[in-house]
């Protein structure tokens, strides 16, 4: 009988993630777009689902926006120099890491834990003045997130992210999030 609430909670979480992923799904024919002052996403700055948190991270990186970065617990990147940039992206998959997914070679990674979310996407960037990044190469992006325990309503924060054009190093969290227990 004690397992029933856990099963119901798991089913509810899966439904919420599916709904969030459905909102975030785009095709390469009509990718999501984040520019210097506009975006196609309706959930930027509101990391209530893993997909929305990943999109907020993309806005943080594209704009060098400290507020967006803090919203998802990411370090603020240097403000992009030169012409303002835009990012086009396609969310390919949103999944929750299960205990059986954590193999021996992944067990020691701080960002690959049961209950964490993985958002897999593709992105490409170009100057905002182009209007479209058509013709630019797509690169893979993986964003690992954990649900914040002290947040109401539910929200997700970035634990680690990586892409082909970025070095594969641990992402630094702001000081206030480093002290939180996972």
Protein backbone atom coordinates (compact mmCIF):
# COMPACT_ATOMS: atom_id res chain seq x y z
CA UNK A 1 0.00 0.00 0.00
CA UNK A 2 2.92 2.36 0.67
CA UNK A 3 4.03 1.97 -2.96
CA UNK A 4 0.75 3.37 -4.34
CA UNK A 5 1.58 7.06 -3.60
CA UNK A 6 5.05 6.62 -5.15
CA UNK A 7 3.57 5.02 -8.26
CA UNK A 8 0.95 7.77 -8.55
CA UNK A 9 3.57 10.49 -8.07
CA UNK A 10 5.80 8.89 -10.72
CA UNK A 11 2.88 8.71 -13.17
CA UNK A 12 1.98 12.34 -12.50
CA UNK A 13 5.60 13.45 -13.01
CA UNK A 14 5.72 11.55 -16.31
CA UNK A 15 2.54 13.31 -17.48
CA UNK A 16 3.92 16.72 -16.54
CA UNK A 17 7.18 16.01 -18.36
CA UNK A 18 5.32 14.82 -21.45
CA UNK A 19 3.18 17.97 -21.45
CA UNK A 20 6.28 20.15 -21.06
CA UNK A 21 8.05 18.27 -23.82
CA UNK A 22 5.02 18.62 -26.10
CA UNK A 23 5.10 22.40 -25.65
CA UNK A 24 8.84 22.48 -26.36
CA UNK A 25 8.80 20.21 -29.40
CA UNK A 26 9.73 21.85 -32.66
CA UNK A 27 10.90 20.46 -35.94
CA UNK A 28 13.91 21.56 -37.92
CA UNK A 29 11.41 23.10 -40.34
CA UNK A 30 10.21 25.39 -37.57
CA UNK A 31 12.83 25.50 -34.81
CA UNK A 32 12.46 27.47 -31.60
CA UNK A 33 14.27 30.80 -31.69
CA UNK A 34 15.85 32.95 -28.99
CA UNK A 35 17.04 36.40 -30.01
CA UNK A 36 18.41 39.38 -28.12
CA UNK A 37 14.96 40.58 -27.05
CA UNK A 38 12.39 38.07 -28.32
CA UNK A 39 11.80 34.33 -28.32
CA UNK A 40 9.29 31.79 -29.57
CA UNK A 41 9.24 30.00 -26.19
CA UNK A 42 6.48 30.92 -23.78
CA UNK A 43 8.32 29.55 -20.76
CA UNK A 44 11.65 31.42 -20.65
CA UNK A 45 12.47 32.35 -17.08
CA UNK A 46 9.97 29.85 -15.69
CA UNK A 47 11.79 26.53 -15.20
CA UNK A 48 8.69 24.58 -14.16
CA UNK A 49 9.59 21.71 -16.52
CA UNK A 50 12.96 20.37 -17.64
CA UNK A 51 12.27 21.59 -21.21
CA UNK A 52 11.52 25.13 -19.99
CA UNK A 53 14.65 25.11 -17.81
CA UNK A 54 16.77 24.04 -20.82
CA UNK A 55 15.23 26.81 -22.95
CA UNK A 56 15.97 29.30 -20.16
CA UNK A 57 19.60 28.11 -20.17
CA UNK A 58 19.74 28.72 -23.93
CA UNK A 59 18.44 32.26 -23.37
CA UNK A 60 21.08 32.74 -20.65
CA UNK A 61 23.85 31.65 -23.04
CA UNK A 62 22.54 33.49 -26.11
CA UNK A 63 21.92 36.79 -24.35
CA UNK A 64 24.51 36.62 -21.57
CA UNK A 65 21.53 37.42 -19.32
CA UNK A 66 22.40 37.13 -15.62
CA UNK A 67 18.74 36.94 -14.56
CA UNK A 68 18.01 34.01 -16.88
CA UNK A 69 21.20 32.29 -15.69
CA UNK A 70 20.32 32.68 -12.00
CA UNK A 71 16.80 31.39 -12.67
CA UNK A 72 18.23 27.98 -13.58
CA UNK A 73 21.26 28.07 -11.27
CA UNK A 74 23.82 28.49 -14.07
CA UNK A 75 26.95 30.62 -14.05
CA UNK A 76 26.67 33.84 -16.02
CA UNK A 77 28.74 33.60 -19.20
CA UNK A 78 30.64 36.61 -20.45
CA UNK A 79 28.36 38.96 -22.38
CA UNK A 80 28.70 38.13 -26.07
CA UNK A 81 30.91 40.65 -27.86
CA UNK A 82 30.04 42.14 -31.21
CA UNK A 83 26.73 41.82 -32.99
CA UNK A 84 23.81 40.40 -30.96
CA UNK A 85 23.31 36.69 -31.56
CA UNK A 86 20.30 34.43 -31.89
CA UNK A 87 19.95 30.71 -31.27
CA UNK A 88 17.65 28.30 -33.05
CA UNK A 89 16.97 24.99 -31.33
CA UNK A 90 15.05 21.75 -31.54
CA UNK A 91 14.21 19.76 -28.40
CA UNK A 92 14.64 16.11 -29.31
CA UNK A 93 14.00 14.29 -26.05
CA UNK A 94 13.24 14.90 -22.39
CA UNK A 95 13.79 11.98 -20.01
CA UNK A 96 14.15 11.23 -16.33
CA UNK A 97 17.25 9.26 -15.35
CA UNK A 98 16.28 5.99 -13.67
CA UNK A 99 18.37 4.01 -11.19
CA UNK A 100 18.93 1.28 -13.78
CA UNK A 101 20.35 3.90 -16.20
CA UNK A 102 23.25 4.61 -13.82
CA UNK A 103 25.88 2.08 -14.84
CA UNK A 104 29.21 1.56 -13.04
CA UNK A 105 31.03 3.96 -15.35
CA UNK A 106 28.45 6.71 -14.63
CA UNK A 107 28.03 6.15 -10.88
CA UNK A 108 30.57 8.80 -9.81
CA UNK A 109 29.24 11.61 -12.01
CA UNK A 110 27.61 14.37 -9.95
CA UNK A 111 25.19 15.19 -12.75
CA UNK A 112 23.93 11.70 -13.68
CA UNK A 113 21.71 10.63 -10.79
CA UNK A 114 18.33 8.89 -10.54
CA UNK A 115 15.54 11.47 -10.63
CA UNK A 116 17.56 14.01 -12.60
CA UNK A 117 16.26 15.05 -16.02
CA UNK A 118 18.13 14.98 -19.30
CA UNK A 119 17.10 17.30 -22.13
CA UNK A 120 18.65 16.46 -25.48
CA UNK A 121 18.44 19.13 -28.14
CA UNK A 122 20.16 20.54 -31.17
CA UNK A 123 21.07 24.19 -31.57
CA UNK A 124 22.70 26.54 -34.02
CA UNK A 125 23.66 30.18 -33.66
CA UNK A 126 24.10 33.16 -35.94
CA UNK A 127 23.98 36.97 -35.88
CA UNK A 128 20.48 38.20 -35.01
CA UNK A 129 20.49 40.50 -38.04
CA UNK A 130 20.33 37.42 -40.34
CA UNK A 131 16.75 36.72 -39.28
CA UNK A 132 17.35 32.97 -39.64
CA UNK A 133 20.25 30.64 -38.96
CA UNK A 134 19.42 28.55 -42.03
CA UNK A 135 22.61 27.11 -43.47
CA UNK A 136 24.42 27.06 -40.12
CA UNK A 137 25.46 23.67 -38.74
CA UNK A 138 23.42 22.07 -35.95
CA UNK A 139 25.22 20.89 -32.82
CA UNK A 140 24.11 18.51 -30.10
CA UNK A 141 23.28 19.89 -26.66
CA UNK A 142 22.68 17.92 -23.46
CA UNK A 143 21.32 19.60 -20.33
CA UNK A 144 21.19 17.70 -17.02
CA UNK A 145 18.79 19.11 -14.42
CA UNK A 146 17.57 18.37 -10.93
CA UNK A 147 14.35 19.41 -9.31
CA UNK A 148 14.78 22.06 -6.65
CA UNK A 149 13.65 20.75 -3.29
CA UNK A 150 13.07 24.16 -1.73
CA UNK A 151 11.04 25.71 -4.53
CA UNK A 152 7.29 26.06 -4.74
CA UNK A 153 5.96 25.71 -7.33
CA UNK A 154 8.20 23.00 -8.73
CA UNK A 155 11.23 24.20 -10.61
CA UNK A 156 14.33 22.69 -12.20
CA UNK A 157 17.95 23.81 -12.10
CA UNK A 158 20.90 23.04 -14.35
CA UNK A 159 23.45 20.67 -12.85
CA UNK A 160 25.58 20.27 -15.98
CA UNK A 161 25.37 20.99 -19.69
CA UNK A 162 27.54 20.26 -22.66
CA UNK A 163 27.62 20.75 -26.39
CA UNK A 164 30.02 20.20 -29.23
CA UNK A 165 31.29 23.79 -29.25
CA UNK A 166 31.76 24.03 -25.49
CA UNK A 167 34.44 22.26 -23.45
CA UNK A 168 33.12 19.26 -21.50
CA UNK A 169 33.77 20.61 -18.03
CA UNK A 170 31.67 20.84 -14.88
CA UNK A 171 29.49 23.93 -14.98
CA UNK A 172 29.98 26.25 -12.04
CA UNK A 173 26.87 27.08 -10.07
CA UNK A 174 26.38 30.43 -8.34
CA UNK A 175 27.48 30.43 -4.69
CA UNK A 176 23.94 30.20 -3.29
CA UNK A 177 23.21 26.94 -5.16
CA UNK A 178 26.53 25.24 -4.41
CA UNK A 179 25.63 24.84 -0.76
CA UNK A 180 22.33 23.06 -1.44
CA UNK A 181 22.26 19.32 -0.96
CA UNK A 182 21.33 17.39 -4.13
